[in-house]
C-alpha atoms as a PDB file:
ATOM      1  CA  MET A   1     -23.367  43.609 -10.615  1.00  0.00           C
ATOM      2  CA  PRO A   2     -22.678  40.117 -12.154  1.00  0.00           C
ATOM      3  CA  SER A   3     -22.530  37.164  -9.722  1.00  0.00           C
ATOM      4  CA  ARG A   4     -19.189  35.714  -9.100  1.00  0.00           C
ATOM      5  CA  PRO A   5     -18.817  32.016 -10.097  1.00  0.00           C
ATOM      6  CA  PRO A   6     -18.346  29.478  -7.421  1.00  0.00           C
ATOM      7  CA  SER A   7     -14.718  28.521  -6.686  1.00  0.00           C
ATOM      8  CA  PRO A   8     -13.842  25.043  -7.856  1.00  0.00           C
ATOM      9  CA  PHE A   9     -12.359  24.413  -4.431  1.00  0.00           C
ATOM     10  CA  SER A  10     -15.548  25.310  -2.413  1.00  0.00           C
ATOM     11  CA  GLY A  11     -16.787  21.650  -2.354  1.00  0.00           C
ATOM     12  CA  LEU A  12     -13.383  20.598  -0.982  1.00  0.00           C
ATOM     13  CA  VAL A  13     -13.517  23.215   1.597  1.00  0.00           C
ATOM     14  CA  LEU A  14     -16.930  22.001   2.769  1.00  0.00           C
ATOM     15  CA  LEU A  15     -15.775  18.405   2.651  1.00  0.00           C
ATOM     16  CA  SER A  16     -12.988  19.211   4.960  1.00  0.00           C
ATOM     17  CA  LEU A  17     -15.039  21.086   7.379  1.00  0.00           C
ATOM     18  CA  ALA A  18     -17.687  18.370   7.373  1.00  0.00           C
ATOM     19  CA  LEU A  19     -15.023  15.690   7.971  1.00  0.00           C
ATOM     20  CA  ALA A  20     -13.304  17.618  10.807  1.00  0.00           C
ATOM     21  CA  ALA A  21     -16.218  18.879  12.785  1.00  0.00           C
ATOM     22  CA  PRO A  22     -17.257  15.388  14.364  1.00  0.00           C
ATOM     23  CA  LEU A  23     -13.617  14.563  15.117  1.00  0.00           C
ATOM     24  CA  ALA A  24     -13.085  18.043  16.823  1.00  0.00           C
ATOM     25  CA  ALA A  25     -16.327  17.546  18.867  1.00  0.00           C
ATOM     26  CA  GLY A  26     -15.065  14.074  19.920  1.00  0.00           C
ATOM     27  CA  ARG A  27     -18.384  12.527  19.160  1.00  0.00           C
ATOM     28  CA  LEU A  28     -17.546   9.756  16.769  1.00  0.00           C
ATOM     29  CA  GLN A  29     -14.790   7.873  14.908  1.00  0.00           C
ATOM     30  CA  ALA A  30     -14.379   9.066  11.390  1.00  0.00           C
ATOM     31  CA  ALA A  31     -15.611   6.554   8.955  1.00  0.00           C
ATOM     32  CA  PRO A  32     -13.465   5.532   5.902  1.00  0.00           C
ATOM     33  CA  ILE A  33     -14.204   7.102   2.566  1.00  0.00           C
ATOM     34  CA  PRO A  34     -14.416   4.931  -0.377  1.00  0.00           C
ATOM     35  CA  LEU A  35     -12.134   6.169  -3.267  1.00  0.00           C
ATOM     36  CA  MET A  36     -14.716   5.906  -5.827  1.00  0.00           C
ATOM     37  CA  GLU A  37     -17.331   7.979  -4.120  1.00  0.00           C
ATOM     38  CA  PRO A  38     -17.486  11.581  -4.963  1.00  0.00           C
ATOM     39  CA  ALA A  39     -15.923  12.637  -1.711  1.00  0.00           C
ATOM     40  CA  GLY A  40     -13.171  10.061  -2.345  1.00  0.00           C
ATOM     41  CA  MET A  41     -12.353  11.322  -5.784  1.00  0.00           C
ATOM     42  CA  GLU A  42     -12.239  14.921  -4.496  1.00  0.00           C
ATOM     43  CA  LEU A  43      -9.610  13.914  -1.823  1.00  0.00           C
ATOM     44  CA  LEU A  44      -7.571  12.314  -4.588  1.00  0.00           C
ATOM     45  CA  VAL A  45      -7.662  15.275  -7.089  1.00  0.00           C
ATOM     46  CA  ALA A  46      -6.671  17.680  -4.151  1.00  0.00           C
ATOM     47  CA  SER A  47      -3.973  15.358  -2.660  1.00  0.00           C
ATOM     48  CA  GLY A  48      -0.478  16.980  -2.752  1.00  0.00           C
ATOM     49  CA  GLU A  49       1.064  13.729  -1.915  1.00  0.00           C
ATOM     50  CA  ARG A  50      -0.163  11.200  -4.641  1.00  0.00           C
ATOM     51  CA  ALA A  51       3.131  10.235  -6.640  1.00  0.00           C
ATOM     52  CA  ASP A  52       2.603   6.525  -5.849  1.00  0.00           C
ATOM     53  CA  TYR A  53      -1.019   6.363  -6.821  1.00  0.00           C
ATOM     54  CA  GLY A  54      -0.751   6.143 -10.798  1.00  0.00           C
ATOM     55  CA  PRO A  55       1.984   3.475 -10.893  1.00  0.00           C
ATOM     56  CA  LEU A  56       0.063   1.325  -8.242  1.00  0.00           C
ATOM     57  CA  ALA A  57      -3.345   1.689  -9.803  1.00  0.00           C
ATOM     58  CA  GLU A  58      -2.029   0.649 -13.061  1.00  0.00           C
ATOM     59  CA  GLN A  59      -0.734  -2.676 -11.538  1.00  0.00           C
ATOM     60  CA  PHE A  60      -3.635  -3.279  -9.191  1.00  0.00           C
ATOM     61  CA  LEU A  61      -4.192  -6.812  -8.259  1.00  0.00           C
ATOM     62  CA  THR A  62      -6.721  -8.867  -6.216  1.00  0.00           C
ATOM     63  CA  GLN A  63      -5.250 -11.139  -3.860  1.00  0.00           C
ATOM     64  CA  ALA A  64      -5.442 -14.754  -5.113  1.00  0.00           C
ATOM     65  CA  ASN A  65      -6.938 -16.221  -1.947  1.00  0.00           C
ATOM     66  CA  LEU A  66      -7.706 -15.209   1.598  1.00  0.00           C
ATOM     67  CA  ALA A  67      -4.178 -15.257   2.779  1.00  0.00           C
ATOM     68  CA  TYR A  68      -2.370 -13.606  -0.082  1.00  0.00           C
ATOM     69  CA  CYS A  69      -2.739  -9.928   0.742  1.00  0.00           C
ATOM     70  CA  GLY A  70       0.949  -9.550   1.252  1.00  0.00           C
ATOM     71  CA  VAL A  71       1.746 -11.386  -1.896  1.00  0.00           C
ATOM     72  CA  ALA A  72      -0.519  -9.353  -4.031  1.00  0.00           C
ATOM     73  CA  SER A  73       0.915  -6.230  -2.534  1.00  0.00           C
ATOM     74  CA  ALA A  74       4.320  -7.212  -3.132  1.00  0.00           C
ATOM     75  CA  ALA A  75       3.676  -7.918  -6.823  1.00  0.00           C
ATOM     76  CA  MET A  76       1.901  -4.654  -7.371  1.00  0.00           C
ATOM     77  CA  VAL A  77       5.012  -2.858  -5.801  1.00  0.00           C
ATOM     78  CA  LEU A  78       7.551  -4.698  -7.816  1.00  0.00           C
ATOM     79  CA  ASN A  79       5.629  -4.127 -11.121  1.00  0.00           C
ATOM     80  CA  SER A  80       5.049  -0.629 -10.313  1.00  0.00           C
ATOM     81  CA  LEU A  81       8.696  -0.074  -9.942  1.00  0.00           C
ATOM     82  CA  ALA A  82       9.693  -1.707 -12.900  1.00  0.00           C
ATOM     83  CA  VAL A  83      11.782  -4.332 -11.172  1.00  0.00           C
ATOM     84  CA  PRO A  84      13.084  -6.879 -13.778  1.00  0.00           C
ATOM     85  CA  ALA A  85      10.835 -10.025 -13.377  1.00  0.00           C
ATOM     86  CA  PRO A  86      10.830 -13.734 -14.287  1.00  0.00           C
ATOM     87  CA  ALA A  87       9.118 -15.363 -17.308  1.00  0.00           C
ATOM     88  CA  VAL A  88       5.481 -15.988 -16.839  1.00  0.00           C
ATOM     89  CA  PRO A  89       4.133 -19.212 -18.600  1.00  0.00           C
ATOM     90  CA  GLY A  90       2.084 -18.447 -21.640  1.00  0.00           C
ATOM     91  CA  TYR A  91       3.342 -14.849 -22.098  1.00  0.00           C
ATOM     92  CA  GLY A  92       6.410 -15.537 -24.295  1.00  0.00           C
ATOM     93  CA  ARG A  93       8.991 -12.980 -23.851  1.00  0.00           C
ATOM     94  CA  TYR A  94       7.169 -10.798 -21.724  1.00  0.00           C
ATOM     95  CA  ARG A  95       8.134 -10.533 -17.955  1.00  0.00           C
ATOM     96  CA  PHE A  96       6.115  -9.296 -14.950  1.00  0.00           C
ATOM     97  CA  TRP A  97       5.533 -10.140 -11.318  1.00  0.00           C
ATOM     98  CA  THR A  98       2.570 -12.328 -10.321  1.00  0.00           C
ATOM     99  CA  GLN A  99       1.295 -13.928  -7.096  1.00  0.00           C
ATOM    100  CA  GLU A 100       3.272 -17.107  -8.155  1.00  0.00           C
ATOM    101  CA  ASN A 101       6.575 -16.157  -9.601  1.00  0.00           C
ATOM    102  CA  VAL A 102       7.103 -13.655  -6.506  1.00  0.00           C
ATOM    103  CA  PHE A 103       8.138 -16.749  -4.576  1.00  0.00           C
ATOM    104  CA  GLU A 104      10.942 -17.457  -7.246  1.00  0.00           C
ATOM    105  CA  VAL A 105      13.873 -16.234  -5.159  1.00  0.00           C
ATOM    106  CA  PRO A 106      17.686 -16.546  -5.754  1.00  0.00           C
ATOM    107  CA  ALA A 107      19.235 -19.547  -4.347  1.00  0.00           C
ATOM    108  CA  GLY A 108      20.142 -19.465  -0.573  1.00  0.00           C
ATOM    109  CA  SER A 109      17.488 -16.599   0.044  1.00  0.00           C
ATOM    110  CA  GLN A 110      15.890 -17.257   3.519  1.00  0.00           C
ATOM    111  CA  VAL A 111      12.307 -16.278   2.734  1.00  0.00           C
ATOM    112  CA  VAL A 112       8.768 -17.776   3.529  1.00  0.00           C
ATOM    113  CA  ASN A 113       7.429 -20.207   1.045  1.00  0.00           C
ATOM    114  CA  ALA A 114       3.961 -20.242  -0.658  1.00  0.00           C
ATOM    115  CA  GLU A 115       2.815 -23.046   1.198  1.00  0.00           C
ATOM    116  CA  VAL A 116       3.111 -21.474   4.496  1.00  0.00           C
ATOM    117  CA  VAL A 117       1.732 -18.117   3.273  1.00  0.00           C
ATOM    118  CA  ARG A 118      -1.434 -19.864   1.928  1.00  0.00           C
ATOM    119  CA  ARG A 119      -2.028 -21.122   5.389  1.00  0.00           C
ATOM    120  CA  GLN A 120      -1.311 -18.058   7.664  1.00  0.00           C
ATOM    121  CA  GLY A 121      -0.321 -15.135   5.483  1.00  0.00           C
ATOM    122  CA  MET A 122       2.884 -13.172   6.170  1.00  0.00           C
ATOM    123  CA  THR A 123       4.446 -11.103   9.022  1.00  0.00           C
ATOM    124  CA  LEU A 124       5.920  -7.670   8.542  1.00  0.00           C
ATOM    125  CA  ALA A 125       9.485  -9.137   8.544  1.00  0.00           C
ATOM    126  CA  GLU A 126       8.611 -12.092   6.242  1.00  0.00           C
ATOM    127  CA  LEU A 127       7.065  -9.493   3.764  1.00  0.00           C
ATOM    128  CA  ALA A 128      10.294  -7.371   3.949  1.00  0.00           C
ATOM    129  CA  ALA A 129      12.591 -10.384   3.323  1.00  0.00           C
ATOM    130  CA  LEU A 130      10.556 -11.599   0.408  1.00  0.00           C
ATOM    131  CA  LEU A 131      10.742  -8.169  -1.384  1.00  0.00           C
ATOM    132  CA  SER A 132      14.482  -7.743  -0.461  1.00  0.00           C
ATOM    133  CA  SER A 133      15.241 -11.022  -2.246  1.00  0.00           C
ATOM    134  CA  HIS A 134      14.124  -9.356  -5.449  1.00  0.00           C
ATOM    135  CA  GLY A 135      16.761  -6.718  -5.587  1.00  0.00           C
ATOM    136  CA  VAL A 136      15.128  -3.770  -3.837  1.00  0.00           C
ATOM    137  CA  LYS A 137      15.765  -2.170  -0.584  1.00  0.00           C
ATOM    138  CA  ALA A 138      12.970  -3.128   1.668  1.00  0.00           C
ATOM    139  CA  GLU A 139      12.745  -2.077   5.447  1.00  0.00           C
ATOM    140  CA  ALA A 140      10.348  -3.298   8.066  1.00  0.00           C
ATOM    141  CA  ILE A 141       9.355  -0.533  10.532  1.00  0.00           C
ATOM    142  CA  HIS A 142       7.145  -1.710  13.475  1.00  0.00           C
ATOM    143  CA  GLY A 143       4.383   0.629  14.312  1.00  0.00           C
ATOM    144  CA  ASP A 144       5.328   0.799  18.006  1.00  0.00           C
ATOM    145  CA  ARG A 145       8.556   2.339  17.075  1.00  0.00           C
ATOM    146  CA  LEU A 146       6.742   5.286  15.424  1.00  0.00           C
ATOM    147  CA  SER A 147       5.176   8.391  17.031  1.00  0.00           C
ATOM    148  CA  LEU A 148       2.052   9.788  15.172  1.00  0.00           C
ATOM    149  CA  GLU A 149       4.174  12.714  14.148  1.00  0.00           C
ATOM    150  CA  GLN A 150       6.799  10.376  12.706  1.00  0.00           C
ATOM    151  CA  PHE A 151       4.338   8.216  11.084  1.00  0.00           C
ATOM    152  CA  ARG A 152       2.713  11.283   9.283  1.00  0.00           C
ATOM    153  CA  ALA A 153       5.964  12.634   8.211  1.00  0.00           C
ATOM    154  CA  LEU A 154       6.888   9.375   6.777  1.00  0.00           C
ATOM    155  CA  LEU A 155       3.618   9.137   4.884  1.00  0.00           C
ATOM    156  CA  ARG A 156       4.216  12.724   3.401  1.00  0.00           C
ATOM    157  CA  ALA A 157       7.783  12.162   2.413  1.00  0.00           C
ATOM    158  CA  ASN A 158       7.183   8.523   0.725  1.00  0.00           C
ATOM    159  CA  LEU A 159       3.894   9.330  -0.940  1.00  0.00           C
ATOM    160  CA  SER A 160       5.306  12.669  -2.575  1.00  0.00           C
ATOM    161  CA  GLN A 161       8.193  10.717  -4.322  1.00  0.00           C
ATOM    162  CA  PRO A 162       7.832   8.468  -7.278  1.00  0.00           C
ATOM    163  CA  GLY A 163      10.828   6.160  -6.639  1.00  0.00           C
ATOM    164  CA  ASP A 164       9.669   4.271  -3.458  1.00  0.00           C
ATOM    165  CA  ARG A 165       6.578   2.671  -2.160  1.00  0.00           C
ATOM    166  CA  LEU A 166       4.816   1.985   1.175  1.00  0.00           C
ATOM    167  CA  LEU A 167       3.083  -1.036   2.421  1.00  0.00           C
ATOM    168  CA  ALA A 168       0.999  -1.080   5.607  1.00  0.00           C
ATOM    169  CA  ASN A 169       0.288  -4.144   7.773  1.00  0.00           C
ATOM    170  CA  TYR A 170      -2.588  -3.263   9.942  1.00  0.00           C
ATOM    171  CA  LEU A 171      -5.540  -4.593  12.041  1.00  0.00           C
ATOM    172  CA  ARG A 172      -8.870  -4.082  10.179  1.00  0.00           C
ATOM    173  CA  PRO A 173     -11.082  -3.674  13.133  1.00  0.00           C
ATOM    174  CA  THR A 174      -9.268  -0.743  14.499  1.00  0.00           C
ATOM    175  CA  LEU A 175     -10.244   1.028  11.197  1.00  0.00           C
ATOM    176  CA  GLY A 176     -14.048  -0.223  11.681  1.00  0.00           C
ATOM    177  CA  GLN A 177     -13.819  -3.058   9.356  1.00  0.00           C
ATOM    178  CA  ALA A 178     -14.381  -6.744   9.852  1.00  0.00           C
ATOM    179  CA  GLY A 179     -11.551  -9.158   9.891  1.00  0.00           C
ATOM    180  CA  GLY A 180      -7.902  -9.466  11.272  1.00  0.00           C
ATOM    181  CA  GLY A 181      -4.554  -8.449  10.154  1.00  0.00           C
ATOM    182  CA  HIS A 182      -4.336  -7.223   6.510  1.00  0.00           C
ATOM    183  CA  ILE A 183      -1.598  -5.874   4.200  1.00  0.00           C
ATOM    184  CA  ALA A 184      -1.999  -3.299   1.474  1.00  0.00           C
ATOM    185  CA  PRO A 185      -0.259  -0.530  -0.412  1.00  0.00           C
ATOM    186  CA  LEU A 186      -0.627   3.094   0.604  1.00  0.00           C
ATOM    187  CA  ALA A 187      -1.175   5.529  -2.378  1.00  0.00           C
ATOM    188  CA  ALA A 188      -1.762   9.105  -1.481  1.00  0.00           C
ATOM    189  CA  PHE A 189      -1.937  11.598   1.562  1.00  0.00           C
ATOM    190  CA  HIS A 190      -4.384  14.444   1.820  1.00  0.00           C
ATOM    191  CA  ALA A 191      -3.054  16.925   4.276  1.00  0.00           C
ATOM    192  CA  PRO A 192      -6.286  19.236   4.958  1.00  0.00           C
ATOM    193  CA  THR A 193      -8.198  16.175   6.167  1.00  0.00           C
ATOM    194  CA  ASP A 194      -5.254  14.332   7.563  1.00  0.00           C
ATOM    195  CA  ARG A 195      -6.279  11.137   5.556  1.00  0.00           C
ATOM    196  CA  VAL A 196      -4.368   8.402   3.761  1.00  0.00           C
ATOM    197  CA  LEU A 197      -5.531   6.293   0.792  1.00  0.00           C
ATOM    198  CA  ILE A 198      -5.318   2.429   1.198  1.00  0.00           C
ATOM    199  CA  LEU A 199      -5.533   0.531  -2.064  1.00  0.00           C
ATOM    200  CA  ASP A 200      -7.041  -2.539  -0.781  1.00  0.00           C
ATOM    201  CA  VAL A 201      -6.173  -5.789  -2.523  1.00  0.00           C
ATOM    202  CA  ALA A 202      -9.043  -7.685  -1.066  1.00  0.00           C
ATOM    203  CA  ARG A 203     -11.377  -5.920  -3.548  1.00  0.00           C
ATOM    204  CA  TYR A 204     -14.079  -8.750  -3.249  1.00  0.00           C
ATOM    205  CA  ARG A 205     -14.428  -7.401   0.457  1.00  0.00           C
ATOM    206  CA  TYR A 206     -13.602  -3.798   0.763  1.00  0.00           C
ATOM    207  CA  PRO A 207     -13.054  -0.981  -1.636  1.00  0.00           C
ATOM    208  CA  SER A 208     -10.031   1.285  -1.483  1.00  0.00           C
ATOM    209  CA  VAL A 209     -10.617   3.861   1.157  1.00  0.00           C
ATOM    210  CA  TRP A 210      -9.252   7.069   2.719  1.00  0.00           C
ATOM    211  CA  VAL A 211      -8.851   6.680   6.508  1.00  0.00           C
ATOM    212  CA  PRO A 212      -7.671   9.110   9.226  1.00  0.00           C
ATOM    213  CA  VAL A 213      -3.962   8.907   9.687  1.00  0.00           C
ATOM    214  CA  ALA A 214      -4.333   8.526  13.456  1.00  0.00           C
ATOM    215  CA  ASP A 215      -6.720   5.578  12.898  1.00  0.00           C
ATOM    216  CA  LEU A 216      -4.209   3.710  10.620  1.00  0.00           C
ATOM    217  CA  TRP A 217      -1.358   4.658  13.134  1.00  0.00           C
ATOM    218  CA  LYS A 218      -3.285   2.847  15.846  1.00  0.00           C
ATOM    219  CA  ALA A 219      -4.014  -0.127  13.457  1.00  0.00           C
ATOM    220  CA  ILE A 220      -0.098  -0.605  12.694  1.00  0.00           C
ATOM    221  CA  ARG A 221       0.741  -0.561  16.235  1.00  0.00           C
ATOM    222  CA  THR A 222      -1.560  -3.646  17.222  1.00  0.00           C
ATOM    223  CA  LEU A 223       0.216  -6.956  18.123  1.00  0.00           C
ATOM    224  CA  ASP A 224       0.733  -9.646  15.368  1.00  0.00           C
ATOM    225  CA  SER A 225       0.308 -12.877  17.401  1.00  0.00           C
ATOM    226  CA  THR A 226       2.339 -14.763  14.934  1.00  0.00           C
ATOM    227  CA  SER A 227       5.506 -12.746  15.285  1.00  0.00           C
ATOM    228  CA  GLY A 228       4.891 -11.502  18.772  1.00  0.00           C
ATOM    229  CA  ARG A 229       5.688  -8.066  17.575  1.00  0.00           C
ATOM    230  CA  SER A 230       3.538  -4.866  16.465  1.00  0.00           C
ATOM    231  CA  ARG A 231       2.480  -4.677  12.826  1.00  0.00           C
ATOM    232  CA  GLY A 232       3.878  -1.727  10.971  1.00  0.00           C
ATOM    233  CA  LEU A 233       5.060  -0.501   7.569  1.00  0.00           C
ATOM    234  CA  VAL A 234       7.421  -1.728   4.805  1.00  0.00           C
ATOM    235  CA  THR A 235       9.127   0.881   2.794  1.00  0.00           C
ATOM    236  CA  ILE A 236      10.448  -0.132  -0.722  1.00  0.00           C
ATOM    237  CA  ARG A 237      12.963   1.401  -2.843  1.00  0.00           C
ATOM    238  CA  ARG A 238      14.621   0.096  -6.173  1.00  0.00           C
ATOM    239  CA  LEU A 239      18.356   0.129  -5.854  1.00  0.00           C
ATOM    240  CA  PRO A 240      19.941   2.342  -8.426  1.00  0.00           C
ATOM    241  CA  GLY A 241      22.146   0.455 -10.863  1.00  0.00           C
ATOM    242  CA  ALA A 242      21.079  -2.941  -9.467  1.00  0.00           C
ATOM    243  CA  THR A 243      22.029  -5.917 -11.861  1.00  0.00           C
ATOM    244  CA  PRO A 244      18.999  -7.908 -12.659  1.00  0.00           C
ATOM    245  CA  PRO A 245      18.745 -11.398 -11.484  1.00  0.00           C
ATOM    246  CA  PRO A 246      19.378 -14.159 -13.853  1.00  0.00           C
ATOM    247  CA  GLY A 247      16.452 -15.144 -16.091  1.00  0.00           C
ATOM    248  CA  THR A 248      14.715 -11.893 -15.558  1.00  0.00           C
ATOM    249  CA  VAL A 249      15.905 -10.033 -18.710  1.00  0.00           C
ATOM    250  CA  PRO A 250      13.776 -10.815 -21.718  1.00  0.00           C
ATOM    251  CA  PRO A 251      15.606 -12.523 -24.538  1.00  0.00           C
ATOM    252  CA  PRO A 252      15.461 -10.801 -27.978  1.00  0.00           C
ATOM    253  CA  GLY A 253      12.865 -11.866 -30.371  1.00  0.00           C
ATOM    254  CA  PRO A 254       9.246 -10.813 -31.745  1.00  0.00           C
ATOM    255  CA  SER A 255       6.764  -9.767 -29.117  1.00  0.00           C
END
């Protein structure tokens, strides 16, 4: 009798069991899984909610300095949603968001400036305000306002739709990493292992990783000493039919 070929999903089943067993036994905290390791790529391929991954990966940036995690994340999000951008010196008629021109906001906008961000980074509210100044709907959600079930539901809903994005402001040590507060885009959710993919913009320090949803939930509920409030999430959606700000539409001419 001919032998049956192995199922293409057998490796993923074994991976899910291996990841779940230590947690069920309560013996250790699950370690982050780097995206580019075989296990990380298996999770991505099998993820049912990964609509944001492709557009964000295409626009991936490394933060320009140690405090620009929010700035790099904001530029990635705006580019991935094709939000009209200002001119970039040296690129002629081409327009895209950079870690410099993201601070070019309409007159009267009350947003944090680049000098302050270079010194201390951004709070959750400052990040949402900066994004909102560029014609998108950005909402800050503090982590202490979300139950674990609400957080998981928000991840699943947002990451299954291509028209919105999700940024996380979290405390690295809660995920077993060195450092302090950080901001990065979330790109995919894998339900069988209950993990979410963080596209880490500090690529010189940490790779993009899959982390347990419960661990990230705890990390966004930590206190930000600058704002005096918990960290959290920013949801971003491009407004339908929004009029591009002046100077963001490329003029006619040769490329």
